[in-house]
Amino acid sequence: MRATVWCSGACGGRKAGDRTAGAGMKNAELVVALDVPAVDKVGAVCDGLPGEVLWYKVGLELFAAAGPRAIEPLRERNKQVFLDLKLHDIPRTVERAVRAAAAHGVGLLTVHAAGGRAMIEAAVSAARQAGGNRPHIVAVTVLTSLDAVELERIGWPGDPADAVRRLAELAIGAGADGLVCSPREAAGLRARFGTDVLLITPGIRLPEGEAGDQKRIGTPADAVRAGATHLVVGRPILDAPDPAAAARAVLADMAAAAAG
C-alpha cells in the first residue's frame, strides 16, 4: 500500500546505487523514525512493522548512543537509511562528515540550510564524490517544533513559511537534493521547485493524534496531497499500543489521499 505522488529516485525499494534524483513520479514513502535509545531495539522495531515500510530514520539520539552500528540492523534487513544528523558547522567539517557518512551507504542525509551556501555546497560535493551509492543531501529549513513566537525569540520575526521559503531557495541554489519542511509548507515548495526536489515532512500526525512538541503539523493525507516524497513518523507509531496497526493506518491515509 504505497501512495503515488511526486518523488525522485530516492523513493522506493531500489538499491542505493540505483537512486537518481529527478526520476519523475514514484511512490511517497513512510519513514519510521527510530526514536529508541539503543541499537539492540532496532531489529525488533523493524521486524514488528509491515514489510511495506522500507525507510527508517536514524537520528541524533540513536547515533550518539551507537554510532554507525545503528545502521547495521537496517542494512541486514535491506532497509533504506535516512541519517538525520542535521549537520551545521564550517564547510570543511561538514564536507568530511558527509564523506564519512556516505561510506555507510545511507540514502538520505540532513544538513541545516541555515549553515549557508558554502556549507551546503561542500556537503553536496562530498556526497557526489561517493558516486552512484551517494547519499542525497536534504536541507532542514525550519524545525517543525518552531512557530512564529519561537522564531521571533531567535531573531527571525515573521511567518515561518517565509523563513522556509528563503532557506529553501538558498539550499536548492546550492545544489541540495531536497528539503525538510512541515506539511504546511510542502505544497508551496513543490509548486516552486517542481518534481525534481525531494520533500521530507516530519510533524506527521493522524487526525486523532496528539501534537506533542510539534507546532507545525499535518496528517499523512495532507503531506501526500502537498507533494511530499517522504513522510517521517516516529512516536505516533512507536508509542502506539499496536505499532504495526499504527503504521498501517498511516499507510492507508497516504494511499487514500493519493487515490484522490
Protein backbone atom coordinates (compact mmCIF):
# COMPACT_ATOMS: atom_id res chain seq x y z
CA MET A 1 0.00 0.00 0.00
CA ARG A 2 2.01 2.97 -1.27
CA ALA A 3 0.95 6.47 -2.31
CA THR A 4 1.84 7.61 -5.82
CA VAL A 5 2.86 11.27 -5.76
CA TRP A 6 5.83 13.43 -6.67
CA CYS A 7 9.03 11.59 -5.88
CA SER A 8 12.54 11.35 -7.25
CA GLY A 9 14.73 8.30 -7.37
CA ALA A 10 15.41 8.32 -3.62
CA CYS A 11 11.98 6.77 -3.20
CA GLY A 12 11.19 3.13 -3.49
CA GLY A 13 12.95 -0.06 -2.58
CA ARG A 14 15.75 0.02 -5.12
CA LYS A 15 19.33 -0.50 -4.06
CA ALA A 16 21.15 2.66 -3.06
CA GLY A 17 23.18 2.65 -6.25
CA ASP A 18 20.02 2.84 -8.33
CA ARG A 19 18.87 6.16 -6.88
CA THR A 20 18.79 9.02 -9.36
CA ALA A 21 17.37 12.38 -8.40
CA GLY A 22 14.71 13.69 -10.73
CA ALA A 23 13.34 10.34 -11.82
CA GLY A 24 9.79 11.61 -12.05
CA MET A 25 6.66 10.44 -10.24
CA LYS A 26 7.19 7.48 -7.93
CA ASN A 27 5.77 6.41 -4.58
CA ALA A 28 5.73 8.53 -1.46
CA GLU A 29 7.45 6.69 1.35
CA LEU A 30 6.70 6.30 5.03
CA VAL A 31 9.91 6.78 7.02
CA VAL A 32 9.75 5.42 10.55
CA ALA A 33 11.89 7.46 12.94
CA LEU A 34 13.85 5.16 15.22
CA ASP A 35 13.38 7.19 18.38
CA VAL A 36 14.95 4.48 20.52
CA PRO A 37 17.88 4.75 22.95
CA ALA A 38 19.92 1.71 21.92
CA VAL A 39 20.81 -0.29 18.82
CA ASP A 40 19.54 -3.56 20.30
CA LYS A 41 15.98 -2.27 19.90
CA VAL A 42 16.25 -1.50 16.19
CA GLY A 43 15.77 -5.03 14.86
CA ALA A 44 12.66 -5.62 16.94
CA VAL A 45 11.11 -2.38 15.71
CA CYS A 46 11.75 -3.28 12.08
CA ASP A 47 10.54 -6.85 12.44
CA GLY A 48 7.34 -5.73 14.12
CA LEU A 49 6.26 -3.31 11.38
CA PRO A 50 4.71 -4.03 7.97
CA GLY A 51 7.10 -5.01 5.21
CA GLU A 52 5.92 -2.03 3.16
CA VAL A 53 7.95 0.20 5.45
CA LEU A 54 11.26 0.42 3.57
CA TRP A 55 12.76 3.55 5.12
CA TYR A 56 13.97 4.17 8.66
CA LYS A 57 15.43 7.31 10.18
CA VAL A 58 18.46 7.19 12.45
CA GLY A 59 18.60 10.42 14.40
CA LEU A 60 20.82 12.05 16.96
CA GLU A 61 19.73 10.01 19.99
CA LEU A 62 20.40 6.63 18.42
CA PHE A 63 23.52 7.71 16.52
CA ALA A 64 25.01 9.27 19.66
CA ALA A 65 24.38 6.03 21.53
CA ALA A 66 25.59 3.56 18.93
CA GLY A 67 27.35 5.40 16.11
CA PRO A 68 27.44 3.66 12.73
CA ARG A 69 26.42 0.39 14.41
CA ALA A 70 22.89 1.83 14.48
CA ILE A 71 22.74 1.35 10.72
CA GLU A 72 23.77 -2.30 10.65
CA PRO A 73 20.39 -3.88 11.58
CA LEU A 74 18.76 -1.85 8.81
CA ARG A 75 21.28 -2.89 6.17
CA GLU A 76 20.91 -6.53 7.25
CA ARG A 77 17.18 -6.24 6.52
CA ASN A 78 17.69 -4.42 3.20
CA LYS A 79 16.08 -1.26 4.55
CA GLN A 80 16.86 2.25 3.34
CA VAL A 81 18.56 4.59 5.81
CA PHE A 82 17.77 8.24 6.42
CA LEU A 83 20.64 9.55 8.57
CA ASP A 84 19.23 12.64 10.25
CA LEU A 85 22.25 14.34 11.82
CA LYS A 86 21.30 17.91 10.81
CA LEU A 87 24.91 18.85 10.15
CA HIS A 88 25.64 22.51 10.84
CA ASP A 89 29.29 23.52 11.02
CA ILE A 90 32.03 25.12 8.94
CA PRO A 91 32.14 23.83 5.35
CA ARG A 92 35.28 21.71 5.74
CA THR A 93 33.95 19.89 8.80
CA VAL A 94 30.61 19.18 7.13
CA GLU A 95 32.33 18.01 3.96
CA ARG A 96 34.35 15.46 5.92
CA ALA A 97 31.32 14.34 7.93
CA VAL A 98 29.34 13.77 4.73
CA ARG A 99 32.20 11.76 3.26
CA ALA A 100 32.28 9.58 6.36
CA ALA A 101 28.51 9.09 6.34
CA ALA A 102 28.50 8.19 2.65
CA ALA A 103 30.75 5.23 3.42
CA HIS A 104 27.87 3.65 5.37
CA GLY A 105 25.51 3.54 2.39
CA VAL A 106 22.87 5.92 3.72
CA GLY A 107 20.23 7.13 1.29
CA LEU A 108 19.38 10.50 2.80
CA LEU A 109 21.49 12.80 4.96
CA THR A 110 20.42 16.09 6.53
CA VAL A 111 22.23 19.40 6.85
CA HIS A 112 20.85 22.65 8.21
CA ALA A 113 20.03 25.13 5.46
CA ALA A 114 20.96 27.89 7.90
CA GLY A 115 24.57 26.70 7.66
CA GLY A 116 24.83 28.76 4.48
CA ARG A 117 25.56 28.28 0.83
CA ALA A 118 29.23 27.33 1.15
CA MET A 119 28.45 24.65 3.73
CA ILE A 120 25.69 23.13 1.62
CA GLU A 121 27.88 23.17 -1.48
CA ALA A 122 30.61 21.38 0.46
CA ALA A 123 28.13 18.73 1.61
CA VAL A 124 26.80 18.19 -1.91
CA SER A 125 30.31 17.97 -3.35
CA ALA A 126 31.34 15.35 -0.79
CA ALA A 127 28.19 13.33 -1.43
CA ARG A 128 28.71 13.33 -5.19
CA GLN A 129 32.24 12.03 -4.75
CA ALA A 130 30.70 8.84 -3.38
CA GLY A 131 29.43 8.02 -6.89
CA GLY A 132 26.30 6.03 -7.55
CA ASN A 133 25.99 4.98 -3.93
CA ARG A 134 25.90 8.56 -2.72
CA PRO A 135 23.55 9.95 -0.10
CA HIS A 136 21.06 12.58 -1.15
CA ILE A 137 21.63 15.81 0.75
CA VAL A 138 18.44 17.28 2.16
CA ALA A 139 18.42 20.65 3.88
CA VAL A 140 16.41 21.30 7.02
CA THR A 141 14.59 24.61 6.65
CA VAL A 142 12.73 25.42 9.88
CA LEU A 143 12.24 22.76 12.56
CA THR A 144 8.62 21.68 12.93
CA SER A 145 8.88 22.38 16.67
CA LEU A 146 9.19 26.12 15.91
CA ASP A 147 6.30 28.50 15.38
CA ALA A 148 6.27 32.27 14.80
CA VAL A 149 6.72 33.02 18.51
CA GLU A 150 9.78 30.79 18.82
CA LEU A 151 11.28 32.12 15.59
CA GLU A 152 10.98 35.68 16.84
CA ARG A 153 12.81 34.67 20.02
CA ILE A 154 15.79 33.53 17.97
CA GLY A 155 15.78 36.65 15.82
CA TRP A 156 13.70 35.53 12.85
CA PRO A 157 10.46 37.54 13.09
CA GLY A 158 7.64 36.83 10.70
CA ASP A 159 5.71 33.93 9.26
CA PRO A 160 7.58 30.59 9.46
CA ALA A 161 6.54 29.93 5.85
CA ASP A 162 8.57 32.94 4.74
CA ALA A 163 11.66 31.68 6.54
CA VAL A 164 11.14 28.25 5.00
CA ARG A 165 10.96 29.74 1.50
CA ARG A 166 14.12 31.82 1.96
CA LEU A 167 16.11 28.87 3.28
CA ALA A 168 14.72 26.58 0.59
CA GLU A 169 15.86 28.95 -2.18
CA LEU A 170 19.32 29.08 -0.63
CA ALA A 171 19.60 25.31 -0.25
CA ILE A 172 18.35 24.34 -3.70
CA GLY A 173 20.50 27.05 -5.23
CA ALA A 174 23.50 25.48 -3.51
CA GLY A 175 22.72 22.07 -5.04
CA ALA A 176 20.79 20.29 -2.27
CA ASP A 177 18.72 17.34 -3.48
CA GLY A 178 15.80 18.11 -1.25
CA LEU A 179 14.30 19.93 1.69
CA VAL A 180 12.89 19.14 5.11
CA CYS A 181 9.78 21.16 5.86
CA SER A 182 6.46 20.81 7.62
CA PRO A 183 3.40 19.57 5.72
CA ARG A 184 2.13 23.14 5.78
CA GLU A 185 4.90 24.43 3.51
CA ALA A 186 5.24 21.42 1.22
CA ALA A 187 2.70 22.46 -1.41
CA GLY A 188 4.31 25.85 -1.91
CA LEU A 189 7.77 24.33 -2.23
CA ARG A 190 6.53 21.70 -4.65
CA ALA A 191 4.98 24.41 -6.82
CA ARG A 192 8.18 26.47 -6.67
CA PHE A 193 10.73 23.74 -7.36
CA GLY A 194 8.83 21.17 -9.43
CA THR A 195 9.20 17.42 -9.39
CA ASP A 196 12.96 17.02 -9.07
CA VAL A 197 13.25 18.09 -5.43
CA LEU A 198 12.75 15.68 -2.55
CA LEU A 199 10.38 16.96 0.15
CA ILE A 200 10.70 15.30 3.53
CA THR A 201 7.94 16.12 6.01
CA PRO A 202 8.21 15.42 9.72
CA GLY A 203 5.46 16.62 12.04
CA ILE A 204 3.07 13.94 10.72
CA ARG A 205 0.12 13.07 12.94
CA LEU A 206 -3.05 11.08 12.30
CA PRO A 207 -6.21 13.17 12.72
CA GLU A 208 -6.82 11.84 16.23
CA GLY A 209 -3.16 12.08 17.25
CA GLU A 210 -1.58 14.46 19.76
CA ALA A 211 0.83 17.15 18.55
CA GLY A 212 3.35 16.63 21.35
CA ASP A 213 6.25 19.08 20.99
CA GLN A 214 5.49 19.71 17.31
CA LYS A 215 3.98 23.07 16.29
CA ARG A 216 3.55 22.87 12.50
CA ILE A 217 1.93 19.51 11.84
CA GLY A 218 -0.27 17.77 9.28
CA THR A 219 -1.85 14.40 8.58
CA PRO A 220 -0.34 11.82 6.23
CA ALA A 221 -3.02 12.72 3.69
CA ASP A 222 -2.15 16.42 4.00
CA ALA A 223 1.50 15.70 3.24
CA VAL A 224 0.77 13.42 0.29
CA ARG A 225 -1.61 15.93 -1.27
CA ALA A 226 1.01 18.65 -0.79
CA GLY A 227 3.58 16.65 -2.76
CA ALA A 228 5.81 15.23 -0.03
CA THR A 229 8.10 12.38 -1.06
CA HIS A 230 8.99 11.07 2.41
CA LEU A 231 6.75 11.26 5.49
CA VAL A 232 8.63 10.91 8.77
CA VAL A 233 6.67 9.38 11.64
CA GLY A 234 8.16 8.30 14.95
CA ARG A 235 6.29 8.45 18.23
CA PRO A 236 2.76 8.07 16.77
CA ILE A 237 3.89 4.62 15.56
CA LEU A 238 6.47 3.51 18.12
CA ASP A 239 4.45 4.64 21.16
CA ALA A 240 1.15 3.21 19.90
CA PRO A 241 -0.37 0.20 21.70
CA ASP A 242 -0.06 -1.66 18.39
CA PRO A 243 2.78 -0.11 16.32
CA ALA A 244 2.06 -2.30 13.29
CA ALA A 245 -1.57 -1.18 13.24
CA ALA A 246 -0.50 2.44 13.63
CA ALA A 247 1.89 2.11 10.68
CA ARG A 248 -0.85 0.54 8.57
CA ALA A 249 -3.16 3.44 9.47
CA VAL A 250 -0.56 5.94 8.24
CA LEU A 251 -0.03 3.96 5.03
CA ALA A 252 -3.79 3.78 4.48
CA ASP A 253 -4.19 7.53 4.92
CA MET A 254 -1.37 8.10 2.43
CA ALA A 255 -2.93 5.73 -0.09
CA ALA A 256 -6.38 7.26 0.25
CA ALA A 257 -5.00 10.73 -0.44
CA ALA A 258 -3.07 9.53 -3.47
CA ALA A 259 -6.18 7.84 -4.84
CA GLY A 260 -7.96 11.18 -4.73
